[in-house]
Amino acid sequence: MTNRKVARVLCLLVFLAIYSCSRNAQPIHGVDHCTIDKNNVIEYCKGIIEKNLGNQVPQPWTLCCGTIRGVTDIHCICDRFAAHDLTRISLPKFACMAYICGKGLHPHTHCAGYLVPVMKVRPPPPGKHLGLQCKNTHNGNN
């Protein structure tokens, strides 16, 4: 009879220890998938989303678009943009790139303070081979 009680108490203690550890588990070194995805997007798409570059738009087969398609949650990347990221990248370019690559941000949501517009893809002007371009339906700007 006492062996059963001891076994029950031990099982309860093991269960509580496992439960406590799992509740307090942190991502490895404090980095979560959103931060990893954000860093990958900035690295592989920097030629497209940097503020000081032209209106370059990714083609769907590029490494940048492949990186975007591999993102777990495109919206959580917006929550991870730090102030120093926002000094380098253009959020309208990020939103356009995500849309063209097939992981568009939801219209009328906020991405690091940027109100995401309804996106429409339009072809490049005649005689130009720029690839696809995003059109902001709020005010007609790219």
N, C-alpha and C. Protein backbone atom coordinates (compact mmCIF):
# COMPACT_ATOMS: atom_id res chain seq x y z
N MET A 1 0.81 -1.19 0.00
CA MET A 1 0.00 0.00 0.00
C MET A 1 0.86 1.26 0.00
N THR A 2 1.89 1.30 0.83
CA THR A 2 2.74 2.48 0.87
C THR A 2 3.57 2.61 -0.40
N ASN A 3 3.89 1.48 -1.03
CA ASN A 3 4.63 1.55 -2.29
C ASN A 3 3.81 2.25 -3.37
N ARG A 4 2.53 2.01 -3.37
CA ARG A 4 1.65 2.68 -4.34
C ARG A 4 1.62 4.18 -4.10
N LYS A 5 1.53 4.57 -2.85
CA LYS A 5 1.51 6.00 -2.52
C LYS A 5 2.82 6.67 -2.93
N VAL A 6 3.93 6.01 -2.66
CA VAL A 6 5.24 6.56 -3.04
C VAL A 6 5.33 6.68 -4.56
N ALA A 7 4.86 5.65 -5.26
CA ALA A 7 4.90 5.67 -6.73
C ALA A 7 4.03 6.80 -7.27
N ARG A 8 2.87 7.00 -6.69
CA ARG A 8 1.98 8.09 -7.13
C ARG A 8 2.62 9.46 -6.89
N VAL A 9 3.22 9.63 -5.73
CA VAL A 9 3.87 10.90 -5.41
C VAL A 9 5.02 11.15 -6.38
N LEU A 10 5.81 10.11 -6.66
CA LEU A 10 6.92 10.25 -7.61
C LEU A 10 6.41 10.60 -9.00
N CYS A 11 5.36 9.93 -9.44
CA CYS A 11 4.77 10.24 -10.75
C CYS A 11 4.27 11.68 -10.79
N LEU A 12 3.63 12.09 -9.72
CA LEU A 12 3.14 13.47 -9.66
C LEU A 12 4.29 14.47 -9.72
N LEU A 13 5.36 14.19 -8.99
CA LEU A 13 6.52 15.09 -9.00
C LEU A 13 7.17 15.14 -10.39
N VAL A 14 7.28 13.99 -11.05
CA VAL A 14 7.85 13.96 -12.40
C VAL A 14 6.96 14.75 -13.35
N PHE A 15 5.66 14.56 -13.26
CA PHE A 15 4.73 15.29 -14.11
C PHE A 15 4.86 16.80 -13.88
N LEU A 16 4.89 17.21 -12.63
CA LEU A 16 5.01 18.64 -12.32
C LEU A 16 6.34 19.21 -12.82
N ALA A 17 7.40 18.45 -12.71
CA ALA A 17 8.71 18.92 -13.20
C ALA A 17 8.69 19.09 -14.71
N ILE A 18 8.12 18.13 -15.42
CA ILE A 18 8.05 18.22 -16.88
C ILE A 18 7.15 19.38 -17.28
N TYR A 19 6.01 19.52 -16.63
CA TYR A 19 5.08 20.60 -16.94
C TYR A 19 5.73 21.96 -16.70
N SER A 20 6.42 22.09 -15.59
CA SER A 20 7.08 23.35 -15.26
C SER A 20 8.16 23.69 -16.28
N CYS A 21 8.93 22.72 -16.70
CA CYS A 21 9.99 22.97 -17.69
C CYS A 21 9.40 23.37 -19.03
N SER A 22 8.33 22.71 -19.45
CA SER A 22 7.76 23.02 -20.76
C SER A 22 7.10 24.40 -20.77
N ARG A 23 6.53 24.82 -19.65
CA ARG A 23 5.91 26.15 -19.58
C ARG A 23 6.93 27.26 -19.64
N ASN A 24 8.10 27.01 -19.10
CA ASN A 24 9.14 28.03 -19.05
C ASN A 24 10.15 27.91 -20.17
N ALA A 25 9.90 27.02 -21.11
CA ALA A 25 10.85 26.83 -22.21
C ALA A 25 10.91 28.08 -23.07
N GLN A 26 12.09 28.49 -23.41
CA GLN A 26 12.32 29.65 -24.27
C GLN A 26 12.88 29.15 -25.59
N PRO A 27 12.70 29.91 -26.66
CA PRO A 27 13.34 29.55 -27.90
C PRO A 27 14.86 29.52 -27.71
N ILE A 28 15.54 28.76 -28.53
CA ILE A 28 16.98 28.62 -28.43
C ILE A 28 17.64 30.00 -28.47
N HIS A 29 18.42 30.32 -27.46
CA HIS A 29 19.15 31.58 -27.36
C HIS A 29 18.23 32.79 -27.51
N GLY A 30 16.95 32.65 -27.19
CA GLY A 30 16.03 33.77 -27.24
C GLY A 30 15.62 34.19 -28.64
N VAL A 31 15.92 33.39 -29.66
CA VAL A 31 15.58 33.74 -31.04
C VAL A 31 14.41 32.88 -31.48
N ASP A 32 13.38 33.49 -32.00
CA ASP A 32 12.23 32.74 -32.48
C ASP A 32 12.21 32.71 -34.00
N HIS A 33 11.27 31.97 -34.57
CA HIS A 33 11.21 31.82 -36.03
C HIS A 33 10.96 33.16 -36.71
N CYS A 34 10.23 34.07 -36.08
CA CYS A 34 9.96 35.37 -36.71
C CYS A 34 11.23 36.18 -36.87
N THR A 35 12.08 36.16 -35.86
CA THR A 35 13.34 36.90 -35.94
C THR A 35 14.25 36.28 -36.98
N ILE A 36 14.31 34.96 -37.01
CA ILE A 36 15.13 34.27 -38.01
C ILE A 36 14.62 34.60 -39.40
N ASP A 37 13.30 34.51 -39.60
CA ASP A 37 12.72 34.83 -40.91
C ASP A 37 12.99 36.28 -41.29
N LYS A 38 12.85 37.20 -40.35
CA LYS A 38 13.11 38.62 -40.63
C LYS A 38 14.55 38.83 -41.07
N ASN A 39 15.48 38.22 -40.36
CA ASN A 39 16.89 38.37 -40.72
C ASN A 39 17.18 37.78 -42.09
N ASN A 40 16.57 36.64 -42.42
CA ASN A 40 16.75 36.05 -43.75
C ASN A 40 16.18 36.94 -44.85
N VAL A 41 15.00 37.49 -44.61
CA VAL A 41 14.38 38.38 -45.60
C VAL A 41 15.26 39.61 -45.83
N ILE A 42 15.74 40.20 -44.76
CA ILE A 42 16.60 41.38 -44.92
C ILE A 42 17.87 41.01 -45.68
N GLU A 43 18.44 39.85 -45.39
CA GLU A 43 19.67 39.43 -46.05
C GLU A 43 19.46 39.14 -47.54
N TYR A 44 18.45 38.32 -47.86
CA TYR A 44 18.28 37.85 -49.24
C TYR A 44 17.45 38.78 -50.11
N CYS A 45 16.80 39.77 -49.51
CA CYS A 45 15.97 40.70 -50.28
C CYS A 45 16.44 42.14 -50.14
N LYS A 46 17.63 42.34 -49.60
CA LYS A 46 18.08 43.72 -49.34
C LYS A 46 18.18 44.54 -50.60
N GLY A 47 18.49 43.92 -51.73
CA GLY A 47 18.57 44.67 -52.98
C GLY A 47 17.22 45.16 -53.47
N ILE A 48 16.16 44.68 -52.87
CA ILE A 48 14.81 45.05 -53.29
C ILE A 48 14.14 45.97 -52.27
N ILE A 49 14.39 45.74 -50.99
CA ILE A 49 13.65 46.49 -49.97
C ILE A 49 14.43 47.64 -49.36
N GLU A 50 15.70 47.80 -49.71
CA GLU A 50 16.44 48.93 -49.15
C GLU A 50 15.90 50.24 -49.69
N LYS A 51 15.89 51.26 -48.84
CA LYS A 51 15.33 52.56 -49.20
C LYS A 51 16.08 53.24 -50.34
N ASN A 52 17.38 53.15 -50.37
CA ASN A 52 18.19 53.92 -51.31
C ASN A 52 18.34 53.27 -52.67
N LEU A 53 17.72 52.15 -52.90
CA LEU A 53 17.80 51.49 -54.20
C LEU A 53 16.57 51.84 -55.02
N GLY A 54 16.65 51.61 -56.30
CA GLY A 54 15.54 51.93 -57.19
C GLY A 54 14.32 51.07 -56.93
N ASN A 55 13.37 51.13 -57.81
CA ASN A 55 12.12 50.38 -57.66
C ASN A 55 12.28 48.98 -58.23
N GLN A 56 13.25 48.25 -57.72
CA GLN A 56 13.46 46.89 -58.17
C GLN A 56 12.38 46.00 -57.59
N VAL A 57 11.89 45.10 -58.38
CA VAL A 57 10.83 44.20 -57.95
C VAL A 57 11.31 42.78 -58.21
N PRO A 58 11.11 41.87 -57.26
CA PRO A 58 11.62 40.51 -57.43
C PRO A 58 10.82 39.73 -58.46
N GLN A 59 11.49 38.83 -59.11
CA GLN A 59 10.81 37.88 -59.97
C GLN A 59 10.47 36.67 -59.10
N PRO A 60 9.37 35.98 -59.38
CA PRO A 60 8.93 34.88 -58.52
C PRO A 60 9.95 33.75 -58.35
N TRP A 61 10.89 33.59 -59.25
CA TRP A 61 11.84 32.49 -59.18
C TRP A 61 13.14 32.86 -58.44
N THR A 62 13.25 34.06 -57.93
CA THR A 62 14.49 34.50 -57.29
C THR A 62 14.64 33.93 -55.88
N LEU A 63 15.87 34.00 -55.36
CA LEU A 63 16.15 33.57 -54.00
C LEU A 63 15.34 34.39 -52.99
N CYS A 64 15.16 35.66 -53.29
CA CYS A 64 14.36 36.52 -52.40
C CYS A 64 12.94 35.97 -52.27
N CYS A 65 12.30 35.69 -53.39
CA CYS A 65 10.93 35.17 -53.34
C CYS A 65 10.89 33.79 -52.68
N GLY A 66 11.90 32.98 -52.94
CA GLY A 66 11.97 31.68 -52.27
C GLY A 66 12.06 31.84 -50.76
N THR A 67 12.81 32.83 -50.33
CA THR A 67 12.92 33.12 -48.90
C THR A 67 11.58 33.56 -48.34
N ILE A 68 10.89 34.44 -49.07
CA ILE A 68 9.57 34.91 -48.63
C ILE A 68 8.58 33.75 -48.54
N ARG A 69 8.58 32.89 -49.55
CA ARG A 69 7.65 31.75 -49.52
C ARG A 69 7.95 30.79 -48.37
N GLY A 70 9.19 30.77 -47.90
CA GLY A 70 9.55 29.90 -46.78
C GLY A 70 9.27 30.48 -45.41
N VAL A 71 8.80 31.71 -45.37
CA VAL A 71 8.51 32.38 -44.10
C VAL A 71 7.30 31.72 -43.44
N THR A 72 7.40 31.47 -42.15
CA THR A 72 6.32 30.83 -41.41
C THR A 72 5.10 31.74 -41.29
N ASP A 73 5.32 32.98 -40.90
CA ASP A 73 4.23 33.94 -40.70
C ASP A 73 4.72 35.32 -41.12
N ILE A 74 4.31 35.77 -42.29
CA ILE A 74 4.81 37.04 -42.84
C ILE A 74 4.45 38.21 -41.94
N HIS A 75 3.31 38.16 -41.27
CA HIS A 75 2.89 39.27 -40.41
C HIS A 75 3.76 39.40 -39.16
N CYS A 76 4.27 38.30 -38.65
CA CYS A 76 5.08 38.42 -37.43
C CYS A 76 6.43 39.07 -37.72
N ILE A 77 6.87 39.05 -38.98
CA ILE A 77 8.11 39.75 -39.33
C ILE A 77 7.94 41.24 -39.06
N CYS A 78 6.77 41.78 -39.36
CA CYS A 78 6.51 43.21 -39.12
C CYS A 78 6.73 43.57 -37.66
N ASP A 79 6.37 42.67 -36.77
CA ASP A 79 6.54 42.92 -35.33
C ASP A 79 8.00 42.89 -34.91
N ARG A 80 8.86 42.32 -35.74
CA ARG A 80 10.28 42.18 -35.38
C ARG A 80 11.17 43.26 -35.98
N PHE A 81 10.62 44.10 -36.87
CA PHE A 81 11.45 45.17 -37.43
C PHE A 81 11.83 46.14 -36.31
N ALA A 82 13.12 46.31 -36.11
CA ALA A 82 13.62 47.24 -35.10
C ALA A 82 13.84 48.61 -35.74
N ALA A 83 14.09 49.60 -34.92
CA ALA A 83 14.29 50.96 -35.43
C ALA A 83 15.43 51.02 -36.43
N HIS A 84 16.52 50.29 -36.16
CA HIS A 84 17.65 50.32 -37.10
C HIS A 84 17.30 49.63 -38.42
N ASP A 85 16.39 48.64 -38.40
CA ASP A 85 15.93 48.02 -39.65
C ASP A 85 15.14 49.04 -40.47
N LEU A 86 14.30 49.80 -39.79
CA LEU A 86 13.42 50.75 -40.47
C LEU A 86 14.17 51.95 -41.05
N THR A 87 15.39 52.17 -40.60
CA THR A 87 16.19 53.23 -41.23
C THR A 87 16.76 52.78 -42.56
N ARG A 88 16.83 51.47 -42.77
CA ARG A 88 17.43 50.91 -43.99
C ARG A 88 16.42 50.42 -45.00
N ILE A 89 15.27 49.93 -44.54
CA ILE A 89 14.34 49.30 -45.47
C ILE A 89 13.10 50.17 -45.69
N SER A 90 12.47 49.93 -46.83
CA SER A 90 11.23 50.61 -47.19
C SER A 90 10.07 49.65 -46.94
N LEU A 91 9.17 50.01 -46.06
CA LEU A 91 8.02 49.14 -45.78
C LEU A 91 7.09 49.00 -46.98
N PRO A 92 6.86 50.06 -47.79
CA PRO A 92 6.06 49.85 -49.00
C PRO A 92 6.72 48.84 -49.96
N LYS A 93 8.04 48.88 -50.06
CA LYS A 93 8.74 47.91 -50.91
C LYS A 93 8.63 46.50 -50.33
N PHE A 94 8.72 46.39 -48.99
CA PHE A 94 8.57 45.10 -48.33
C PHE A 94 7.18 44.53 -48.59
N ALA A 95 6.14 45.36 -48.45
CA ALA A 95 4.77 44.91 -48.68
C ALA A 95 4.57 44.47 -50.12
N CYS A 96 5.10 45.24 -51.06
CA CYS A 96 4.99 44.92 -52.48
C CYS A 96 5.70 43.60 -52.78
N MET A 97 6.92 43.46 -52.26
CA MET A 97 7.70 42.25 -52.48
C MET A 97 6.98 41.03 -51.93
N ALA A 98 6.44 41.13 -50.72
CA ALA A 98 5.73 40.00 -50.12
C ALA A 98 4.53 39.62 -50.99
N TYR A 99 3.83 40.61 -51.51
CA TYR A 99 2.66 40.37 -52.37
C TYR A 99 3.07 39.65 -53.65
N ILE A 100 4.09 40.16 -54.32
CA ILE A 100 4.53 39.57 -55.59
C ILE A 100 5.05 38.15 -55.38
N CYS A 101 5.70 37.91 -54.25
CA CYS A 101 6.27 36.59 -53.98
C CYS A 101 5.24 35.60 -53.45
N GLY A 102 4.00 36.02 -53.28
CA GLY A 102 2.94 35.09 -52.91
C GLY A 102 2.62 35.01 -51.43
N LYS A 103 3.17 35.90 -50.62
CA LYS A 103 2.89 35.91 -49.18
C LYS A 103 2.47 37.31 -48.76
N GLY A 104 1.51 37.86 -49.46
CA GLY A 104 1.11 39.25 -49.22
C GLY A 104 0.58 39.50 -47.83
N LEU A 105 0.88 40.68 -47.33
CA LEU A 105 0.33 41.13 -46.06
C LEU A 105 -1.15 41.43 -46.26
N HIS A 106 -1.94 41.23 -45.23
CA HIS A 106 -3.37 41.51 -45.34
C HIS A 106 -3.60 43.01 -45.50
N PRO A 107 -4.40 43.40 -46.49
CA PRO A 107 -4.70 44.83 -46.66
C PRO A 107 -5.34 45.42 -45.40
N HIS A 108 -5.05 46.68 -45.17
CA HIS A 108 -5.61 47.45 -44.05
C HIS A 108 -5.07 47.01 -42.69
N THR A 109 -3.98 46.22 -42.68
CA THR A 109 -3.31 45.89 -41.43
C THR A 109 -2.07 46.77 -41.32
N HIS A 110 -1.47 46.79 -40.16
CA HIS A 110 -0.27 47.60 -39.94
C HIS A 110 0.96 46.72 -39.92
N CYS A 111 2.01 47.20 -40.56
CA CYS A 111 3.30 46.53 -40.56
C CYS A 111 4.32 47.55 -40.07
N ALA A 112 4.71 47.44 -38.82
CA ALA A 112 5.69 48.34 -38.21
C ALA A 112 5.30 49.81 -38.41
N GLY A 113 4.01 50.10 -38.30
CA GLY A 113 3.53 51.47 -38.44
C GLY A 113 3.07 51.83 -39.84
N TYR A 114 3.26 50.96 -40.80
CA TYR A 114 2.86 51.21 -42.19
C TYR A 114 1.50 50.56 -42.42
N LEU A 115 0.54 51.33 -42.91
CA LEU A 115 -0.79 50.80 -43.24
C LEU A 115 -0.70 50.11 -44.59
N VAL A 116 -0.92 48.81 -44.60
CA VAL A 116 -0.79 48.02 -45.83
C VAL A 116 -1.97 48.31 -46.74
N PRO A 117 -1.70 48.76 -47.96
CA PRO A 117 -2.80 49.05 -48.90
C PRO A 117 -3.24 47.78 -49.62
N VAL A 118 -4.33 47.90 -50.36
CA VAL A 118 -4.74 46.83 -51.27
C VAL A 118 -3.75 46.89 -52.43
N MET A 119 -3.12 45.77 -52.72
CA MET A 119 -2.10 45.73 -53.78
C MET A 119 -2.70 45.18 -55.06
N LYS A 120 -2.26 45.74 -56.16
CA LYS A 120 -2.60 45.22 -57.48
C LYS A 120 -1.31 45.16 -58.28
N VAL A 121 -1.16 44.12 -59.05
CA VAL A 121 0.04 43.98 -59.88
C VAL A 121 -0.28 44.51 -61.26
N ARG A 122 0.63 45.32 -61.78
CA ARG A 122 0.44 45.84 -63.12
C ARG A 122 1.70 45.54 -63.93
N PRO A 123 1.57 45.42 -65.24
CA PRO A 123 2.74 45.16 -66.07
C PRO A 123 3.61 46.39 -66.17
N PRO A 124 4.89 46.22 -66.58
CA PRO A 124 5.77 47.38 -66.73
C PRO A 124 5.34 48.23 -67.91
N PRO A 125 5.80 49.49 -67.97
CA PRO A 125 5.49 50.35 -69.11
C PRO A 125 6.02 49.74 -70.40
N PRO A 126 5.41 50.07 -71.55
CA PRO A 126 5.87 49.52 -72.82
C PRO A 126 7.35 49.83 -73.06
N GLY A 127 8.06 48.82 -73.56
CA GLY A 127 9.48 49.00 -73.86
C GLY A 127 10.40 48.85 -72.67
N LYS A 128 9.87 48.65 -71.48
CA LYS A 128 10.70 48.48 -70.29
C LYS A 128 10.55 47.04 -69.81
N HIS A 129 11.63 46.50 -69.30
CA HIS A 129 11.63 45.12 -68.81
C HIS A 129 11.95 45.12 -67.32
N LEU A 130 11.09 45.74 -66.56
CA LEU A 130 11.31 45.86 -65.12
C LEU A 130 10.68 44.74 -64.32
N GLY A 131 9.96 43.86 -64.97
CA GLY A 131 9.23 42.85 -64.22
C GLY A 131 7.91 43.42 -63.73
N LEU A 132 7.36 42.80 -62.74
CA LEU A 132 6.08 43.24 -62.20
C LEU A 132 6.27 44.47 -61.33
N GLN A 133 5.22 45.25 -61.18
CA GLN A 133 5.25 46.42 -60.30
C GLN A 133 3.99 46.42 -59.45
N CYS A 134 4.12 46.90 -58.22
CA CYS A 134 2.94 47.02 -57.36
C CYS A 134 2.32 48.39 -57.53
N LYS A 135 1.02 48.39 -57.46
CA LYS A 135 0.28 49.65 -57.51
C LYS A 135 -0.50 49.76 -56.22
N ASN A 136 -0.29 50.84 -55.51
CA ASN A 136 -0.99 51.13 -54.27
C ASN A 136 -2.35 51.70 -54.65
N THR A 137 -3.42 51.01 -54.29
CA THR A 137 -4.75 51.47 -54.69
C THR A 137 -5.27 52.61 -53.84
N HIS A 138 -4.57 52.97 -52.75
CA HIS A 138 -5.01 54.11 -51.94
C HIS A 138 -4.79 55.43 -52.66
N ASN A 139 -3.59 55.55 -53.27
CA ASN A 139 -3.31 56.84 -53.91
C ASN A 139 -2.64 56.70 -55.27
N GLY A 140 -2.53 55.47 -55.79
CA GLY A 140 -1.98 55.27 -57.12
C GLY A 140 -0.47 55.31 -57.19
N ASN A 141 0.23 55.43 -56.05
CA ASN A 141 1.69 55.45 -56.06
C ASN A 141 2.24 54.04 -56.00
N ASN A 142 3.47 53.89 -56.47
CA ASN A 142 4.15 52.59 -56.36
C ASN A 142 4.63 52.36 -54.96
